[in-house]
């Protein structure tokens, strides 16, 4: 049932990405045209952000499609890491977008440009509606996939960009204060930087094979020893993530001389799966001193 559920979830996620790509592409072209006609940096910034979003969504879709491919002799773990690499690249693009917007904003402070607020307001409003639709297509309360999350953060940046463009056009309409356009663009850039940092931090942690947040070596050791009296000690625990929700673990377990090797191994793996959601584990059973420790001594 789990495999069937995961398969359906994968197909649904793939469709959500395709629908989002189509909407973002149309909206981006609309904002580029509107930004050029109205001379609005906020609109052009949002369009530029949407261009990288389009790239990010396509990258996420490709990574998602490859991640469900079966493993082979050259890639024994399959293609799961592609989703993390896609998330990492998406995080980097968010930093790049923010830097470009800030540089352009500085130029506008020095050399102000007259903005056609009417065109800007219409295009920004249409952009906001499109971005909200894409957000609801991609967003899911139970979504734990970092690849999809990175795409959602890009879309949130687009929503903020559209809101900033709408706000800027309204302020220009009411006050004629043209400099508000680059000011709000900088504000959106700061938020984009924050989103990019979170994605880079999480994806780097996985790529560096850091211990998953919900996994504690001490807790694993304590749980196994307390539940299985035959286990004397647990050591050399190494846990990492293949992707954001695929945990892997290796460990050594020292058991009593009369302990049943196969039965204890089964119980340990059952604890790892049921208690810590670690489906892929390699457990080395020992009766005497750890072989690795002996080798290191010599």
Protein backbone atom coordinates (compact mmCIF):
# COMPACT_ATOMS: atom_id res chain seq x y z
CA UNK A 1 0.00 0.00 0.00
CA UNK A 2 2.88 2.38 0.82
CA UNK A 3 4.46 1.93 -2.59
CA UNK A 4 1.13 2.57 -4.31
CA UNK A 5 0.53 5.65 -2.18
CA UNK A 6 4.03 7.00 -2.90
CA UNK A 7 3.53 6.34 -6.62
CA UNK A 8 0.24 8.26 -6.68
CA UNK A 9 1.81 11.08 -4.64
CA UNK A 10 4.72 11.26 -7.11
CA UNK A 11 2.39 11.49 -10.14
CA UNK A 12 0.30 14.17 -8.40
CA UNK A 13 3.40 16.20 -7.54
CA UNK A 14 4.64 15.93 -11.14
CA UNK A 15 1.30 17.23 -12.49
CA UNK A 16 1.32 20.12 -9.99
CA UNK A 17 4.77 21.14 -11.23
CA UNK A 18 3.70 21.02 -14.90
CA UNK A 19 0.60 23.18 -14.29
CA UNK A 20 2.74 25.65 -12.34
CA UNK A 21 5.35 25.84 -15.13
CA UNK A 22 2.68 26.77 -17.70
CA UNK A 23 1.12 29.50 -15.52
CA UNK A 24 4.50 30.97 -14.50
CA UNK A 25 5.70 31.10 -18.14
CA UNK A 26 2.60 33.02 -19.27
CA UNK A 27 2.73 35.41 -16.30
CA UNK A 28 6.46 36.06 -16.76
CA UNK A 29 6.01 37.10 -20.42
CA UNK A 30 3.14 39.37 -19.38
CA UNK A 31 5.25 41.05 -16.65
CA UNK A 32 8.26 41.53 -18.94
CA UNK A 33 6.09 43.35 -21.47
CA UNK A 34 4.36 45.36 -18.74
CA UNK A 35 7.64 46.26 -17.02
CA UNK A 36 9.21 47.53 -20.25
CA UNK A 37 6.14 49.61 -21.19
CA UNK A 38 5.64 51.07 -17.69
CA UNK A 39 9.38 51.47 -16.85
CA UNK A 40 8.72 49.73 -13.52
CA UNK A 41 11.71 48.13 -11.78
CA UNK A 42 9.38 46.33 -9.38
CA UNK A 43 7.60 44.66 -12.31
CA UNK A 44 10.83 43.84 -14.14
CA UNK A 45 12.32 42.51 -10.89
CA UNK A 46 9.32 40.27 -10.41
CA UNK A 47 9.54 39.17 -14.05
CA UNK A 48 13.24 38.39 -13.57
CA UNK A 49 12.37 36.44 -10.45
CA UNK A 50 9.73 34.55 -12.41
CA UNK A 51 12.29 33.72 -15.10
CA UNK A 52 14.45 31.98 -12.50
CA UNK A 53 11.26 30.47 -11.04
CA UNK A 54 10.51 28.98 -14.42
CA UNK A 55 14.00 27.50 -14.49
CA UNK A 56 13.62 26.33 -10.88
CA UNK A 57 10.25 24.68 -11.55
CA UNK A 58 11.54 22.92 -14.66
CA UNK A 59 14.61 21.78 -12.71
CA UNK A 60 12.37 20.56 -9.88
CA UNK A 61 10.17 18.68 -12.34
CA UNK A 62 13.15 17.01 -14.05
CA UNK A 63 14.67 16.07 -10.67
CA UNK A 64 11.31 14.75 -9.47
CA UNK A 65 10.90 12.59 -12.59
CA UNK A 66 14.41 11.14 -12.28
CA UNK A 67 14.15 10.56 -8.52
CA UNK A 68 11.55 7.79 -9.01
CA UNK A 69 13.79 5.88 -11.42
CA UNK A 70 15.04 2.55 -10.13
CA UNK A 71 18.63 2.11 -8.99
CA UNK A 72 21.20 0.43 -11.23
CA UNK A 73 24.73 -0.96 -10.95
CA UNK A 74 26.27 2.50 -11.33
CA UNK A 75 23.82 4.30 -8.99
CA UNK A 76 22.95 1.82 -6.26
CA UNK A 77 20.88 4.43 -4.39
CA UNK A 78 19.04 5.58 -7.50
CA UNK A 79 18.49 9.25 -8.33
CA UNK A 80 17.04 10.55 -5.05
CA UNK A 81 19.85 13.07 -4.56
CA UNK A 82 18.87 14.90 -7.76
CA UNK A 83 16.01 16.54 -5.84
CA UNK A 84 18.45 17.86 -3.23
CA UNK A 85 20.80 19.17 -5.92
CA UNK A 86 17.83 20.90 -7.59
CA UNK A 87 16.87 22.48 -4.26
CA UNK A 88 20.49 23.65 -3.76
CA UNK A 89 20.60 25.24 -7.23
CA UNK A 90 17.21 26.88 -6.60
CA UNK A 91 18.56 28.34 -3.36
CA UNK A 92 21.57 29.80 -5.19
CA UNK A 93 19.32 31.37 -7.84
CA UNK A 94 17.35 33.14 -5.09
CA UNK A 95 20.60 34.79 -3.93
CA UNK A 96 21.41 35.78 -7.52
CA UNK A 97 17.96 37.32 -8.06
CA UNK A 98 18.19 39.36 -4.86
CA UNK A 99 21.65 40.68 -5.79
CA UNK A 100 20.52 41.79 -9.27
CA UNK A 101 17.41 43.54 -7.87
CA UNK A 102 19.45 45.40 -5.23
CA UNK A 103 22.00 46.58 -7.82
CA UNK A 104 19.23 47.82 -10.12
CA UNK A 105 17.50 49.53 -7.19
CA UNK A 106 20.71 51.45 -6.35
CA UNK A 107 20.88 52.63 -9.96
CA UNK A 108 17.28 53.87 -9.75
CA UNK A 109 18.07 55.83 -6.58
CA UNK A 110 20.86 57.62 -8.44
CA UNK A 111 19.04 57.98 -11.76
CA UNK A 112 15.25 58.06 -11.10
CA UNK A 113 12.96 56.79 -13.88
CA UNK A 114 9.35 57.85 -14.46
CA UNK A 115 6.98 54.93 -13.85
CA UNK A 116 3.62 54.47 -15.63
CA UNK A 117 1.63 53.39 -12.57
CA UNK A 118 -1.60 52.46 -14.41
CA UNK A 119 0.01 49.77 -16.56
CA UNK A 120 2.09 48.68 -13.58
CA UNK A 121 -0.99 48.27 -11.37
CA UNK A 122 -2.92 46.20 -13.93
CA UNK A 123 -0.02 43.85 -14.74
CA UNK A 124 1.01 43.48 -11.08
CA UNK A 125 -2.56 42.58 -10.08
CA UNK A 126 -2.79 39.93 -12.81
CA UNK A 127 0.62 38.65 -11.73
CA UNK A 128 -0.49 38.40 -8.12
CA UNK A 129 -3.56 36.36 -9.06
CA UNK A 130 -1.43 34.00 -11.16
CA UNK A 131 1.15 33.58 -8.41
CA UNK A 132 -1.51 32.80 -5.81
CA UNK A 133 -2.98 30.15 -8.12
CA UNK A 134 0.48 28.57 -8.56
CA UNK A 135 1.06 28.67 -4.78
CA UNK A 136 -2.13 26.72 -4.09
CA UNK A 137 -1.30 24.24 -6.86
CA UNK A 138 2.11 23.48 -5.37
CA UNK A 139 1.46 23.93 -1.65
CA UNK A 140 0.36 20.99 0.46
CA UNK A 141 0.09 20.79 4.26
CA UNK A 142 1.66 17.32 4.22
CA UNK A 143 4.41 18.21 1.75
CA UNK A 144 7.82 17.21 3.11
CA UNK A 145 9.76 17.18 -0.17
CA UNK A 146 12.54 19.80 -0.02
CA UNK A 147 12.57 20.01 -3.82
CA UNK A 148 8.89 21.03 -3.94
CA UNK A 149 9.41 23.28 -0.90
CA UNK A 150 12.17 25.17 -2.72
CA UNK A 151 9.81 25.71 -5.68
CA UNK A 152 7.08 26.95 -3.29
CA UNK A 153 9.53 29.45 -1.74
CA UNK A 154 10.28 30.81 -5.22
CA UNK A 155 6.54 31.31 -5.77
CA UNK A 156 6.18 33.05 -2.38
CA UNK A 157 8.93 35.42 -3.52
CA UNK A 158 6.86 36.08 -6.67
CA UNK A 159 3.76 36.82 -4.59
CA UNK A 160 5.73 39.32 -2.50
CA UNK A 161 7.12 40.86 -5.68
CA UNK A 162 3.62 41.32 -7.09
CA UNK A 163 2.36 42.82 -3.81
CA UNK A 164 5.33 45.22 -3.79
CA UNK A 165 4.60 46.26 -7.39
CA UNK A 166 0.91 46.86 -6.58
CA UNK A 167 1.79 48.86 -3.47
CA UNK A 168 4.38 50.90 -5.38
CA UNK A 169 1.90 51.73 -8.16
CA UNK A 170 -0.74 52.83 -5.63
CA UNK A 171 1.76 55.06 -3.77
CA UNK A 172 2.95 56.60 -7.06
CA UNK A 173 -0.69 57.18 -8.06
CA UNK A 174 -1.50 58.94 -4.77
CA UNK A 175 1.77 60.82 -4.12
CA UNK A 176 3.82 60.77 -7.30
CA UNK A 177 6.76 59.48 -5.22
CA UNK A 178 8.70 57.51 -7.89
CA UNK A 179 11.50 56.32 -5.58
CA UNK A 180 9.08 53.95 -3.82
CA UNK A 181 9.51 51.53 -6.74
CA UNK A 182 13.20 50.70 -6.00
CA UNK A 183 12.63 50.91 -2.22
CA UNK A 184 10.01 48.17 -2.25
CA UNK A 185 12.15 46.16 -4.66
CA UNK A 186 14.96 46.13 -2.05
CA UNK A 187 12.46 45.04 0.63
CA UNK A 188 11.40 42.05 -1.50
CA UNK A 189 15.09 41.21 -2.13
CA UNK A 190 15.74 40.89 1.62
CA UNK A 191 12.86 38.43 1.96
CA UNK A 192 14.13 36.47 -1.06
CA UNK A 193 17.60 36.26 0.57
CA UNK A 194 16.03 34.81 3.72
CA UNK A 195 14.21 32.13 1.72
CA UNK A 196 17.36 31.28 -0.23
CA UNK A 197 19.38 30.89 2.97
CA UNK A 198 16.89 28.37 4.42
CA UNK A 199 16.90 26.24 1.27
CA UNK A 200 20.71 26.33 0.99
CA UNK A 201 21.12 25.43 4.66
CA UNK A 202 18.79 22.40 4.48
CA UNK A 203 20.08 21.11 1.14
CA UNK A 204 23.74 21.52 2.15
CA UNK A 205 23.09 19.60 5.37
CA UNK A 206 21.73 16.67 3.35
CA UNK A 207 24.48 16.85 0.69
CA UNK A 208 27.11 16.82 3.47
CA UNK A 209 25.36 13.72 4.88
CA UNK A 210 24.53 15.41 8.15
CA UNK A 211 22.43 13.60 10.74
CA UNK A 212 18.69 14.14 10.09
CA UNK A 213 17.02 16.51 12.57
CA UNK A 214 14.61 13.87 13.87
CA UNK A 215 17.31 11.24 14.39
CA UNK A 216 19.45 11.08 17.56
CA UNK A 217 22.24 8.51 17.93
CA UNK A 218 21.87 8.53 21.72
CA UNK A 219 18.13 8.05 21.49
CA UNK A 220 18.55 5.13 19.08
CA UNK A 221 21.09 3.49 21.39
CA UNK A 222 18.89 3.99 24.45
CA UNK A 223 15.75 2.70 22.71
CA UNK A 224 17.40 -0.49 21.43
CA UNK A 225 19.15 -1.37 24.70
CA UNK A 226 16.01 -0.70 26.79
CA UNK A 227 13.73 -2.73 24.49
CA UNK A 228 16.11 -5.63 23.79
CA UNK A 229 17.78 -7.15 26.90
CA UNK A 230 20.01 -9.31 24.68
CA UNK A 231 21.77 -6.19 23.35
CA UNK A 232 24.73 -5.14 25.53
CA UNK A 233 25.92 -2.11 23.58
CA UNK A 234 25.22 -0.08 20.43
CA UNK A 235 28.01 1.94 18.80
CA UNK A 236 29.39 3.30 15.51
CA UNK A 237 26.00 4.82 14.71
CA UNK A 238 26.01 6.80 11.47
CA UNK A 239 22.77 8.27 10.14
CA UNK A 240 22.25 10.45 7.07
CA UNK A 241 19.64 11.34 4.45
CA UNK A 242 19.59 10.24 0.85
CA UNK A 243 16.85 12.80 0.26
CA UNK A 244 14.82 14.91 2.69
CA UNK A 245 12.57 11.99 3.74
CA UNK A 246 14.73 8.94 2.99
CA UNK A 247 16.94 8.10 6.01
CA UNK A 248 19.84 5.63 6.01
CA UNK A 249 21.70 4.22 9.03
CA UNK A 250 24.65 1.95 9.79
CA UNK A 251 25.52 0.70 13.29
CA UNK A 252 27.17 -2.03 15.36
CA UNK A 253 25.28 -3.94 18.06
CA UNK A 254 27.06 -6.11 20.64
CA UNK A 255 24.84 -8.92 21.93
CA UNK A 256 25.07 -11.63 24.59
CA UNK A 257 26.87 -14.87 23.71
CA UNK A 258 23.63 -16.87 23.72
CA UNK A 259 21.69 -14.27 21.73
CA UNK A 260 19.88 -15.33 18.57
CA UNK A 261 21.57 -13.36 15.80
CA UNK A 262 18.73 -13.41 13.25
CA UNK A 263 15.95 -12.67 15.75
CA UNK A 264 17.82 -9.76 17.37
CA UNK A 265 18.68 -8.29 13.98
CA UNK A 266 15.00 -8.43 13.01
CA UNK A 267 13.93 -6.70 16.25
CA UNK A 268 16.55 -3.96 15.87
CA UNK A 269 15.46 -3.21 12.30
CA UNK A 270 11.82 -3.18 13.40
CA UNK A 271 12.62 -0.57 16.08
CA UNK A 272 14.54 1.55 13.56
CA UNK A 273 11.61 1.46 11.14
CA UNK A 274 8.68 1.87 13.54
CA UNK A 275 10.25 4.28 16.04
CA UNK A 276 12.63 6.33 13.86
CA UNK A 277 11.21 5.80 10.32
CA UNK A 278 14.54 4.43 9.06
CA UNK A 279 13.69 1.86 6.39
CA UNK A 280 17.22 1.34 5.06
CA UNK A 281 19.66 0.17 7.76
CA UNK A 282 22.81 -1.94 7.91
CA UNK A 283 23.41 -3.51 11.33
CA UNK A 284 26.60 -5.38 12.22
CA UNK A 285 26.06 -7.90 15.04
CA UNK A 286 29.01 -8.60 17.39
CA UNK A 287 29.54 -11.05 20.26
CA UNK A 288 33.03 -9.93 21.34
CA UNK A 289 35.12 -6.78 21.05
CA UNK A 290 34.35 -4.58 18.03
CA UNK A 291 36.49 -5.65 15.06
CA UNK A 292 36.96 -2.02 13.96
CA UNK A 293 38.37 -1.16 17.40
CA UNK A 294 40.82 -4.11 17.19
CA UNK A 295 42.04 -2.99 13.78
CA UNK A 296 42.58 0.58 14.98
CA UNK A 297 44.61 -0.67 17.97
CA UNK A 298 47.02 -2.40 15.62
